[in-house]
Amino acid sequence: MAVTVLTSDTFEQEVLKADKVVLVDFYADWCGPCKMMAPSLDEISDEQADIVKVCKINVDDCPDVARQYRVMSIPNMVLFKDGEAVNRFVGVTDKADIVEAVKAEL
């Protein structure tokens, strides 16, 4: 399953109203560490599609959403469950740690 690209207009429907756990990657195109995380997030999206929906939102294009979730540095991955932020990873993070956190929310 491909990573879903979000906008300010689609964030609520795709994340807050989702019927499963959602991992949102707050990123920017110019961010080197964000680019380093992309392959791991793609793998999580493919390998764990039955338990988590992986999305990404560009902080430069959607500063309102980034501000709402207090994203001060990127990459910043926020795990949502039932419309609430339940976990956060800042900086380059090991794929296994993210998957473990996702499974802890099931």
PDB file of N, CA and C in Angstrom:
ATOM      1  N   MET A   1       0.849  -1.181   0.000  1.00  0.00           N
ATOM      2  CA  MET A   1       0.000   0.000   0.000  1.00  0.00           C
ATOM      3  C   MET A   1       0.891   1.239   0.000  1.00  0.00           C
ATOM      4  N   ALA A   2       0.599   2.159  -0.854  1.00  0.00           N
ATOM      5  CA  ALA A   2       1.422   3.358  -0.992  1.00  0.00           C
ATOM      6  C   ALA A   2       1.166   4.324   0.161  1.00  0.00           C
ATOM      7  N   VAL A   3       2.166   5.140   0.434  1.00  0.00           N
ATOM      8  CA  VAL A   3       2.038   6.192   1.436  1.00  0.00           C
ATOM      9  C   VAL A   3       1.060   7.239   0.897  1.00  0.00           C
ATOM     10  N   THR A   4       0.110   7.645   1.727  1.00  0.00           N
ATOM     11  CA  THR A   4      -0.894   8.628   1.339  1.00  0.00           C
ATOM     12  C   THR A   4      -0.344  10.037   1.567  1.00  0.00           C
ATOM     13  N   VAL A   5      -0.403  10.870   0.548  1.00  0.00           N
ATOM     14  CA  VAL A   5       0.041  12.258   0.669  1.00  0.00           C
ATOM     15  C   VAL A   5      -1.142  13.104   1.130  1.00  0.00           C
ATOM     16  N   LEU A   6      -0.930  13.833   2.225  1.00  0.00           N
ATOM     17  CA  LEU A   6      -1.995  14.629   2.824  1.00  0.00           C
ATOM     18  C   LEU A   6      -1.864  16.108   2.480  1.00  0.00           C
ATOM     19  N   THR A   7      -2.974  16.793   2.586  1.00  0.00           N
ATOM     20  CA  THR A   7      -3.014  18.258   2.514  1.00  0.00           C
ATOM     21  C   THR A   7      -3.776  18.737   3.745  1.00  0.00           C
ATOM     22  N   SER A   8      -3.794  20.026   3.951  1.00  0.00           N
ATOM     23  CA  SER A   8      -4.580  20.580   5.061  1.00  0.00           C
ATOM     24  C   SER A   8      -6.044  20.184   4.929  1.00  0.00           C
ATOM     25  N   ASP A   9      -6.527  20.095   3.698  1.00  0.00           N
ATOM     26  CA  ASP A   9      -7.932  19.764   3.455  1.00  0.00           C
ATOM     27  C   ASP A   9      -8.256  18.294   3.684  1.00  0.00           C
ATOM     28  N   THR A  10      -7.289  17.403   3.502  1.00  0.00           N
ATOM     29  CA  THR A  10      -7.567  15.967   3.632  1.00  0.00           C
ATOM     30  C   THR A  10      -7.143  15.388   4.982  1.00  0.00           C
ATOM     31  N   PHE A  11      -6.430  16.176   5.791  1.00  0.00           N
ATOM     32  CA  PHE A  11      -5.879  15.661   7.048  1.00  0.00           C
ATOM     33  C   PHE A  11      -6.955  15.081   7.968  1.00  0.00           C
ATOM     34  N   GLU A  12      -8.015  15.831   8.189  1.00  0.00           N
ATOM     35  CA  GLU A  12      -9.050  15.367   9.117  1.00  0.00           C
ATOM     36  C   GLU A  12      -9.662  14.046   8.671  1.00  0.00           C
ATOM     37  N   GLN A  13     -10.061  13.956   7.421  1.00  0.00           N
ATOM     38  CA  GLN A  13     -10.709  12.734   6.923  1.00  0.00           C
ATOM     39  C   GLN A  13      -9.751  11.543   6.927  1.00  0.00           C
ATOM     40  N   GLU A  14      -8.532  11.756   6.458  1.00  0.00           N
ATOM     41  CA  GLU A  14      -7.579  10.656   6.305  1.00  0.00           C
ATOM     42  C   GLU A  14      -6.934  10.206   7.616  1.00  0.00           C
ATOM     43  N   VAL A  15      -6.814  11.120   8.578  1.00  0.00           N
ATOM     44  CA  VAL A  15      -6.101  10.805   9.824  1.00  0.00           C
ATOM     45  C   VAL A  15      -7.043  10.758  11.018  1.00  0.00           C
ATOM     46  N   LEU A  16      -7.707  11.844  11.283  1.00  0.00           N
ATOM     47  CA  LEU A  16      -8.512  11.944  12.500  1.00  0.00           C
ATOM     48  C   LEU A  16      -9.748  11.063  12.473  1.00  0.00           C
ATOM     49  N   LYS A  17     -10.256  10.779  11.281  1.00  0.00           N
ATOM     50  CA  LYS A  17     -11.446   9.935  11.167  1.00  0.00           C
ATOM     51  C   LYS A  17     -11.124   8.523  10.669  1.00  0.00           C
ATOM     52  N   ALA A  18      -9.856   8.166  10.640  1.00  0.00           N
ATOM     53  CA  ALA A  18      -9.440   6.850  10.158  1.00  0.00           C
ATOM     54  C   ALA A  18      -9.906   5.757  11.114  1.00  0.00           C
ATOM     55  N   ASP A  19     -10.144   4.581  10.564  1.00  0.00           N
ATOM     56  CA  ASP A  19     -10.610   3.464  11.381  1.00  0.00           C
ATOM     57  C   ASP A  19      -9.470   2.553  11.840  1.00  0.00           C
ATOM     58  N   LYS A  20      -8.230   3.000  11.640  1.00  0.00           N
ATOM     59  CA  LYS A  20      -7.083   2.262  12.162  1.00  0.00           C
ATOM     60  C   LYS A  20      -5.996   3.238  12.567  1.00  0.00           C
ATOM     61  N   VAL A  21      -4.930   2.713  13.111  1.00  0.00           N
ATOM     62  CA  VAL A  21      -3.801   3.542  13.532  1.00  0.00           C
ATOM     63  C   VAL A  21      -3.191   4.203  12.298  1.00  0.00           C
ATOM     64  N   VAL A  22      -2.814   5.482  12.430  1.00  0.00           N
ATOM     65  CA  VAL A  22      -2.240   6.232  11.318  1.00  0.00           C
ATOM     66  C   VAL A  22      -0.892   6.819  11.752  1.00  0.00           C
ATOM     67  N   LEU A  23       0.114   6.616  10.923  1.00  0.00           N
ATOM     68  CA  LEU A  23       1.427   7.214  11.134  1.00  0.00           C
ATOM     69  C   LEU A  23       1.578   8.354  10.137  1.00  0.00           C
ATOM     70  N   VAL A  24       1.759   9.573  10.650  1.00  0.00           N
ATOM     71  CA  VAL A  24       1.898  10.748   9.786  1.00  0.00           C
ATOM     72  C   VAL A  24       3.336  11.236   9.850  1.00  0.00           C
ATOM     73  N   ASP A  25       3.962  11.313   8.692  1.00  0.00           N
ATOM     74  CA  ASP A  25       5.322  11.821   8.563  1.00  0.00           C
ATOM     75  C   ASP A  25       5.245  13.292   8.174  1.00  0.00           C
ATOM     76  N   PHE A  26       5.627  14.170   9.112  1.00  0.00           N
ATOM     77  CA  PHE A  26       5.738  15.593   8.810  1.00  0.00           C
ATOM     78  C   PHE A  26       7.134  15.796   8.231  1.00  0.00           C
ATOM     79  N   TYR A  27       7.220  16.270   6.989  1.00  0.00           N
ATOM     80  CA  TYR A  27       8.497  16.332   6.272  1.00  0.00           C
ATOM     81  C   TYR A  27       8.560  17.587   5.402  1.00  0.00           C
ATOM     82  N   ALA A  28       9.729  17.773   4.790  1.00  0.00           N
ATOM     83  CA  ALA A  28       9.908  18.812   3.767  1.00  0.00           C
ATOM     84  C   ALA A  28      10.783  18.231   2.670  1.00  0.00           C
ATOM     85  N   ASP A  29      10.568  18.685   1.449  1.00  0.00           N
ATOM     86  CA  ASP A  29      11.332  18.168   0.299  1.00  0.00           C
ATOM     87  C   ASP A  29      12.830  18.432   0.428  1.00  0.00           C
ATOM     88  N   TRP A  30      13.220  19.512   1.099  1.00  0.00           N
ATOM     89  CA  TRP A  30      14.626  19.903   1.218  1.00  0.00           C
ATOM     90  C   TRP A  30      15.343  19.204   2.372  1.00  0.00           C
ATOM     91  N   CYS A  31      14.631  18.437   3.171  1.00  0.00           N
ATOM     92  CA  CYS A  31      15.157  17.848   4.411  1.00  0.00           C
ATOM     93  C   CYS A  31      15.867  16.515   4.141  1.00  0.00           C
ATOM     94  N   GLY A  32      17.190  16.508   4.317  1.00  0.00           N
ATOM     95  CA  GLY A  32      17.979  15.294   4.110  1.00  0.00           C
ATOM     96  C   GLY A  32      17.551  14.130   4.991  1.00  0.00           C
ATOM     97  N   PRO A  33      17.422  14.331   6.314  1.00  0.00           N
ATOM     98  CA  PRO A  33      16.972  13.232   7.170  1.00  0.00           C
ATOM     99  C   PRO A  33      15.574  12.720   6.802  1.00  0.00           C
ATOM    100  N   CYS A  34      14.718  13.611   6.307  1.00  0.00           N
ATOM    101  CA  CYS A  34      13.387  13.180   5.859  1.00  0.00           C
ATOM    102  C   CYS A  34      13.519  12.206   4.688  1.00  0.00           C
ATOM    103  N   LYS A  35      14.424  12.523   3.772  1.00  0.00           N
ATOM    104  CA  LYS A  35      14.659  11.642   2.620  1.00  0.00           C
ATOM    105  C   LYS A  35      15.217  10.297   3.080  1.00  0.00           C
ATOM    106  N   MET A  36      16.025  10.310   4.158  1.00  0.00           N
ATOM    107  CA  MET A  36      16.565   9.067   4.692  1.00  0.00           C
ATOM    108  C   MET A  36      15.458   8.187   5.276  1.00  0.00           C
ATOM    109  N   MET A  37      14.419   8.796   5.833  1.00  0.00           N
ATOM    110  CA  MET A  37      13.320   8.041   6.446  1.00  0.00           C
ATOM    111  C   MET A  37      12.349   7.473   5.415  1.00  0.00           C
ATOM    112  N   ALA A  38      12.270   8.078   4.242  1.00  0.00           N
ATOM    113  CA  ALA A  38      11.260   7.700   3.257  1.00  0.00           C
ATOM    114  C   ALA A  38      11.247   6.210   2.916  1.00  0.00           C
ATOM    115  N   PRO A  39      12.404   5.568   2.651  1.00  0.00           N
ATOM    116  CA  PRO A  39      12.347   4.133   2.331  1.00  0.00           C
ATOM    117  C   PRO A  39      11.776   3.285   3.467  1.00  0.00           C
ATOM    118  N   SER A  40      12.121   3.606   4.700  1.00  0.00           N
ATOM    119  CA  SER A  40      11.586   2.853   5.840  1.00  0.00           C
ATOM    120  C   SER A  40      10.074   3.031   5.952  1.00  0.00           C
ATOM    121  N   LEU A  41       9.599   4.249   5.737  1.00  0.00           N
ATOM    122  CA  LEU A  41       8.166   4.497   5.808  1.00  0.00           C
ATOM    123  C   LEU A  41       7.429   3.793   4.676  1.00  0.00           C
ATOM    124  N   ASP A  42       8.043   3.754   3.491  1.00  0.00           N
ATOM    125  CA  ASP A  42       7.450   3.006   2.376  1.00  0.00           C
ATOM    126  C   ASP A  42       7.341   1.525   2.730  1.00  0.00           C
ATOM    127  N   GLU A  43       8.382   0.977   3.345  1.00  0.00           N
ATOM    128  CA  GLU A  43       8.374  -0.433   3.743  1.00  0.00           C
ATOM    129  C   GLU A  43       7.303  -0.701   4.795  1.00  0.00           C
ATOM    130  N   ILE A  44       7.196   0.181   5.779  1.00  0.00           N
ATOM    131  CA  ILE A  44       6.160   0.009   6.807  1.00  0.00           C
ATOM    132  C   ILE A  44       4.782   0.036   6.148  1.00  0.00           C
ATOM    133  N   SER A  45       4.585   0.958   5.224  1.00  0.00           N
ATOM    134  CA  SER A  45       3.307   1.062   4.525  1.00  0.00           C
ATOM    135  C   SER A  45       2.974  -0.232   3.791  1.00  0.00           C
ATOM    136  N   ASP A  46       3.969  -0.827   3.154  1.00  0.00           N
ATOM    137  CA  ASP A  46       3.758  -2.075   2.412  1.00  0.00           C
ATOM    138  C   ASP A  46       3.605  -3.282   3.337  1.00  0.00           C
ATOM    139  N   GLU A  47       4.494  -3.392   4.319  1.00  0.00           N
ATOM    140  CA  GLU A  47       4.565  -4.588   5.159  1.00  0.00           C
ATOM    141  C   GLU A  47       3.520  -4.619   6.270  1.00  0.00           C
ATOM    142  N   GLN A  48       3.060  -3.462   6.707  1.00  0.00           N
ATOM    143  CA  GLN A  48       2.132  -3.392   7.842  1.00  0.00           C
ATOM    144  C   GLN A  48       0.786  -2.773   7.448  1.00  0.00           C
ATOM    145  N   ALA A  49       0.433  -2.871   6.180  1.00  0.00           N
ATOM    146  CA  ALA A  49      -0.778  -2.213   5.679  1.00  0.00           C
ATOM    147  C   ALA A  49      -2.043  -2.671   6.403  1.00  0.00           C
ATOM    148  N   ASP A  50      -2.029  -3.877   6.936  1.00  0.00           N
ATOM    149  CA  ASP A  50      -3.214  -4.374   7.628  1.00  0.00           C
ATOM    150  C   ASP A  50      -3.426  -3.721   8.992  1.00  0.00           C
ATOM    151  N   ILE A  51      -2.375  -3.114   9.574  1.00  0.00           N
ATOM    152  CA  ILE A  51      -2.511  -2.540  10.913  1.00  0.00           C
ATOM    153  C   ILE A  51      -2.276  -1.035  10.990  1.00  0.00           C
ATOM    154  N   VAL A  52      -1.649  -0.456   9.975  1.00  0.00           N
ATOM    155  CA  VAL A  52      -1.364   0.981  10.034  1.00  0.00           C
ATOM    156  C   VAL A  52      -1.477   1.619   8.654  1.00  0.00           C
ATOM    157  N   LYS A  53      -1.972   2.833   8.647  1.00  0.00           N
ATOM    158  CA  LYS A  53      -2.021   3.640   7.431  1.00  0.00           C
ATOM    159  C   LYS A  53      -0.889   4.651   7.550  1.00  0.00           C
ATOM    160  N   VAL A  54      -0.008   4.695   6.568  1.00  0.00           N
ATOM    161  CA  VAL A  54       1.129   5.614   6.588  1.00  0.00           C
ATOM    162  C   VAL A  54       0.830   6.793   5.655  1.00  0.00           C
ATOM    163  N   CYS A  55       0.975   7.992   6.207  1.00  0.00           N
ATOM    164  CA  CYS A  55       0.716   9.217   5.459  1.00  0.00           C
ATOM    165  C   CYS A  55       1.892  10.166   5.617  1.00  0.00           C
ATOM    166  N   LYS A  56       1.975  11.132   4.715  1.00  0.00           N
ATOM    167  CA  LYS A  56       2.986  12.174   4.862  1.00  0.00           C
ATOM    168  C   LYS A  56       2.372  13.510   4.497  1.00  0.00           C
ATOM    169  N   ILE A  57       2.883  14.552   5.179  1.00  0.00           N
ATOM    170  CA  ILE A  57       2.382  15.897   4.935  1.00  0.00           C
ATOM    171  C   ILE A  57       3.566  16.855   4.930  1.00  0.00           C
ATOM    172  N   ASN A  58       3.628  17.669   3.904  1.00  0.00           N
ATOM    173  CA  ASN A  58       4.726  18.606   3.719  1.00  0.00           C
ATOM    174  C   ASN A  58       4.501  19.828   4.620  1.00  0.00           C
ATOM    175  N   VAL A  59       5.445  20.074   5.534  1.00  0.00           N
ATOM    176  CA  VAL A  59       5.283  21.182   6.481  1.00  0.00           C
ATOM    177  C   VAL A  59       5.344  22.549   5.800  1.00  0.00           C
ATOM    178  N   ASP A  60       6.012  22.632   4.658  1.00  0.00           N
ATOM    179  CA  ASP A  60       6.076  23.900   3.932  1.00  0.00           C
ATOM    180  C   ASP A  60       4.751  24.205   3.240  1.00  0.00           C
ATOM    181  N   ASP A  61       4.077  23.164   2.767  1.00  0.00           N
ATOM    182  CA  ASP A  61       2.794  23.341   2.087  1.00  0.00           C
ATOM    183  C   ASP A  61       1.624  23.445   3.059  1.00  0.00           C
ATOM    184  N   CYS A  62       1.787  22.871   4.257  1.00  0.00           N
ATOM    185  CA  CYS A  62       0.694  22.812   5.237  1.00  0.00           C
ATOM    186  C   CYS A  62       1.166  23.259   6.621  1.00  0.00           C
ATOM    187  N   PRO A  63       1.643  24.500   6.733  1.00  0.00           N
ATOM    188  CA  PRO A  63       2.178  24.951   8.030  1.00  0.00           C
ATOM    189  C   PRO A  63       1.123  24.985   9.134  1.00  0.00           C
ATOM    190  N   ASP A  64      -0.150  25.129   8.765  1.00  0.00           N
ATOM    191  CA  ASP A  64      -1.222  25.150   9.762  1.00  0.00           C
ATOM    192  C   ASP A  64      -1.305  23.827  10.516  1.00  0.00           C
ATOM    193  N   VAL A  65      -1.209  22.729   9.797  1.00  0.00           N
ATOM    194  CA  VAL A  65      -1.283  21.403  10.434  1.00  0.00           C
ATOM    195  C   VAL A  65      -0.025  21.158  11.256  1.00  0.00           C
ATOM    196  N   ALA A  66       1.134  21.523  10.718  1.00  0.00           N
ATOM    197  CA  ALA A  66       2.391  21.356  11.460  1.00  0.00           C
ATOM    198  C   ALA A  66       2.338  22.147  12.767  1.00  0.00           C
ATOM    199  N   ARG A  67       1.824  23.348  12.719  1.00  0.00           N
ATOM    200  CA  ARG A  67       1.715  24.184  13.914  1.00  0.00           C
ATOM    201  C   ARG A  67       0.743  23.558  14.922  1.00  0.00           C
ATOM    202  N   GLN A  68      -0.368  23.055  14.426  1.00  0.00           N
ATOM    203  CA  GLN A  68      -1.387  22.455  15.287  1.00  0.00           C
ATOM    204  C   GLN A  68      -0.814  21.289  16.102  1.00  0.00           C
ATOM    205  N   TYR A  69       0.087  20.534  15.492  1.00  0.00           N
ATOM    206  CA  TYR A  69       0.676  19.371  16.171  1.00  0.00           C
ATOM    207  C   TYR A  69       2.079  19.661  16.707  1.00  0.00           C
ATOM    208  N   ARG A  70       2.401  20.928  16.827  1.00  0.00           N
ATOM    209  CA  ARG A  70       3.652  21.407  17.443  1.00  0.00           C
ATOM    210  C   ARG A  70       4.894  20.746  16.841  1.00  0.00           C
ATOM    211  N   VAL A  71       4.910  20.688  15.531  1.00  0.00           N
ATOM    212  CA  VAL A  71       6.074  20.147  14.827  1.00  0.00           C
ATOM    213  C   VAL A  71       7.118  21.253  14.735  1.00  0.00           C
ATOM    214  N   MET A  72       8.186  21.093  15.485  1.00  0.00           N
ATOM    215  CA  MET A  72       9.242  22.104  15.535  1.00  0.00           C
ATOM    216  C   MET A  72      10.473  21.682  14.741  1.00  0.00           C
ATOM    217  N   SER A  73      10.648  20.387  14.559  1.00  0.00           N
ATOM    218  CA  SER A  73      11.776  19.889  13.774  1.00  0.00           C
ATOM    219  C   SER A  73      11.305  18.674  12.981  1.00  0.00           C
ATOM    220  N   ILE A  74      11.996  18.415  11.897  1.00  0.00           N
ATOM    221  CA  ILE A  74      11.619  17.308  11.015  1.00  0.00           C
ATOM    222  C   ILE A  74      12.845  16.456  10.714  1.00  0.00           C
ATOM    223  N   PRO A  75      12.658  15.187  10.370  1.00  0.00           N
ATOM    224  CA  PRO A  75      11.388  14.474  10.283  1.00  0.00           C
ATOM    225  C   PRO A  75      10.745  14.325  11.657  1.00  0.00           C
ATOM    226  N   ASN A  76       9.425  14.328  11.643  1.00  0.00           N
ATOM    227  CA  ASN A  76       8.644  14.229  12.859  1.00  0.00           C
ATOM    228  C   ASN A  76       7.464  13.324  12.506  1.00  0.00           C
ATOM    229  N   MET A  77       7.468  12.127  13.056  1.00  0.00           N
ATOM    230  CA  MET A  77       6.418  11.166  12.753  1.00  0.00           C
ATOM    231  C   MET A  77       5.496  11.048  13.957  1.00  0.00           C
ATOM    232  N   VAL A  78       4.203  11.287  13.723  1.00  0.00           N
ATOM    233  CA  VAL A  78       3.222  11.258  14.797  1.00  0.00           C
ATOM    234  C   VAL A  78       2.268  10.094  14.550  1.00  0.00           C
ATOM    235  N   LEU A  79       2.074   9.309  15.592  1.00  0.00           N
ATOM    236  CA  LEU A  79       1.185   8.156  15.524  1.00  0.00           C
ATOM    237  C   LEU A  79      -0.170   8.568  16.093  1.00  0.00           C
ATOM    238  N   PHE A  80      -1.216   8.355  15.316  1.00  0.00           N
ATOM    239  CA  PHE A  80      -2.570   8.712  15.726  1.00  0.00           C
ATOM    240  C   PHE A  80      -3.403   7.452  15.916  1.00  0.00           C
ATOM    241  N   LYS A  81      -4.235   7.484  16.944  1.00  0.00           N
ATOM    242  CA  LYS A  81      -5.208   6.412  17.176  1.00  0.00           C
ATOM    243  C   LYS A  81      -6.498   7.076  17.621  1.00  0.00           C
ATOM    244  N   ASP A  82      -7.590   6.731  16.967  1.00  0.00           N
ATOM    245  CA  ASP A  82      -8.901   7.302  17.294  1.00  0.00           C
ATOM    246  C   ASP A  82      -8.872   8.832  17.286  1.00  0.00           C
ATOM    247  N   GLY A  83      -8.131   9.404  16.334  1.00  0.00           N
ATOM    248  CA  GLY A  83      -8.093  10.850  16.169  1.00  0.00           C
ATOM    249  C   GLY A  83      -7.189  11.592  17.132  1.00  0.00           C
ATOM    250  N   GLU A  84      -6.464  10.871  17.969  1.00  0.00           N
ATOM    251  CA  GLU A  84      -5.583  11.492  18.953  1.00  0.00           C
ATOM    252  C   GLU A  84      -4.131  11.121  18.686  1.00  0.00           C
ATOM    253  N   ALA A  85      -3.218  12.076  18.876  1.00  0.00           N
ATOM    254  CA  ALA A  85      -1.789  11.796  18.770  1.00  0.00           C
ATOM    255  C   ALA A  85      -1.381  11.001  20.008  1.00  0.00           C
ATOM    256  N   VAL A  86      -0.837   9.790  19.794  1.00  0.00           N
ATOM    257  CA  VAL A  86      -0.506   8.913  20.919  1.00  0.00           C
ATOM    258  C   VAL A  86       0.989   8.653  21.060  1.00  0.00           C
ATOM    259  N   ASN A  87       1.767   8.959  20.024  1.00  0.00           N
ATOM    260  CA  ASN A  87       3.207   8.750  20.093  1.00  0.00           C
ATOM    261  C   ASN A  87       3.865   9.642  19.043  1.00  0.00           C
ATOM    262  N   ARG A  88       5.162   9.902  19.237  1.00  0.00           N
ATOM    263  CA  ARG A  88       5.875  10.791  18.327  1.00  0.00           C
ATOM    264  C   ARG A  88       7.333  10.351  18.234  1.00  0.00           C
ATOM    265  N   PHE A  89       7.871  10.448  17.035  1.00  0.00           N
ATOM    266  CA  PHE A  89       9.282  10.161  16.777  1.00  0.00           C
ATOM    267  C   PHE A  89       9.880  11.378  16.086  1.00  0.00           C
ATOM    268  N   VAL A  90      10.941  11.933  16.649  1.00  0.00           N
ATOM    269  CA  VAL A  90      11.582  13.109  16.064  1.00  0.00           C
ATOM    270  C   VAL A  90      12.975  12.701  15.610  1.00  0.00           C
ATOM    271  N   GLY A  91      13.296  13.038  14.362  1.00  0.00           N
ATOM    272  CA  GLY A  91      14.595  12.677  13.805  1.00  0.00           C
ATOM    273  C   GLY A  91      14.548  11.311  13.142  1.00  0.00           C
ATOM    274  N   VAL A  92      15.677  10.915  12.595  1.00  0.00           N
ATOM    275  CA  VAL A  92      15.767   9.607  11.940  1.00  0.00           C
ATOM    276  C   VAL A  92      15.544   8.544  13.007  1.00  0.00           C
ATOM    277  N   THR A  93      14.597   7.662  12.747  1.00  0.00           N
ATOM    278  CA  THR A  93      14.182   6.653  13.722  1.00  0.00           C
ATOM    279  C   THR A  93      14.248   5.275  13.088  1.00  0.00           C
ATOM    280  N   ASP A  94      14.664   4.302  13.863  1.00  0.00           N
ATOM    281  CA  ASP A  94      14.758   2.928  13.390  1.00  0.00           C
ATOM    282  C   ASP A  94      13.367   2.389  13.048  1.00  0.00           C
ATOM    283  N   LYS A  95      13.270   1.751  11.910  1.00  0.00           N
ATOM    284  CA  LYS A  95      12.004   1.191  11.435  1.00  0.00           C
ATOM    285  C   LYS A  95      11.385   0.261  12.475  1.00  0.00           C
ATOM    286  N   ALA A  96      12.203  -0.579  13.109  1.00  0.00           N
ATOM    287  CA  ALA A  96      11.691  -1.536  14.093  1.00  0.00           C
ATOM    288  C   ALA A  96      11.041  -0.825  15.281  1.00  0.00           C
ATOM    289  N   ASP A  97      11.590   0.308  15.680  1.00  0.00           N
ATOM    290  CA  ASP A  97      11.015   1.069  16.795  1.00  0.00           C
ATOM    291  C   ASP A  97       9.636   1.618  16.427  1.00  0.00           C
ATOM    292  N   ILE A  98       9.493   2.050  15.196  1.00  0.00           N
ATOM    293  CA  ILE A  98       8.200   2.574  14.742  1.00  0.00           C
ATOM    294  C   ILE A  98       7.172   1.445  14.693  1.00  0.00           C
ATOM    295  N   VAL A  99       7.554   0.309  14.116  1.00  0.00           N
ATOM    296  CA  VAL A  99       6.635  -0.831  14.015  1.00  0.00           C
ATOM    297  C   VAL A  99       6.224  -1.298  15.414  1.00  0.00           C
ATOM    298  N   GLU A 100       7.163  -1.329  16.341  1.00  0.00           N
ATOM    299  CA  GLU A 100       6.864  -1.741  17.719  1.00  0.00           C
ATOM    300  C   GLU A 100       5.839  -0.793  18.348  1.00  0.00           C
ATOM    301  N   ALA A 101       5.999   0.505  18.124  1.00  0.00           N
ATOM    302  CA  ALA A 101       5.060   1.480  18.669  1.00  0.00           C
ATOM    303  C   ALA A 101       3.676   1.328  18.044  1.00  0.00           C
ATOM    304  N   VAL A 102       3.636   1.046  16.745  1.00  0.00           N
ATOM    305  CA  VAL A 102       2.359   0.821  16.069  1.00  0.00           C
ATOM    306  C   VAL A 102       1.654  -0.375  16.689  1.00  0.00           C
ATOM    307  N   LYS A 103       2.385  -1.467  16.846  1.00  0.00           N
ATOM    308  CA  LYS A 103       1.784  -2.697  17.396  1.00  0.00           C
ATOM    309  C   LYS A 103       1.324  -2.510  18.832  1.00  0.00           C
ATOM    310  N   ALA A 104       1.984  -1.627  19.583  1.00  0.00           N
ATOM    311  CA  ALA A 104       1.593  -1.359  20.968  1.00  0.00           C
ATOM    312  C   ALA A 104       0.235  -0.665  21.040  1.00  0.00           C
ATOM    313  N   GLU A 105      -0.184  -0.038  19.950  1.00  0.00           N
ATOM    314  CA  GLU A 105      -1.475   0.678  19.929  1.00  0.00           C
ATOM    315  C   GLU A 105      -2.644  -0.192  19.467  1.00  0.00           C
ATOM    316  N   LEU A 106      -2.374  -1.432  19.105  1.00  0.00           N
ATOM    317  CA  LEU A 106      -3.443  -2.310  18.610  1.00  0.00           C
ATOM    318  C   LEU A 106      -4.304  -2.839  19.739  1.00  0.00           C
TER     319      LEU A 106
END
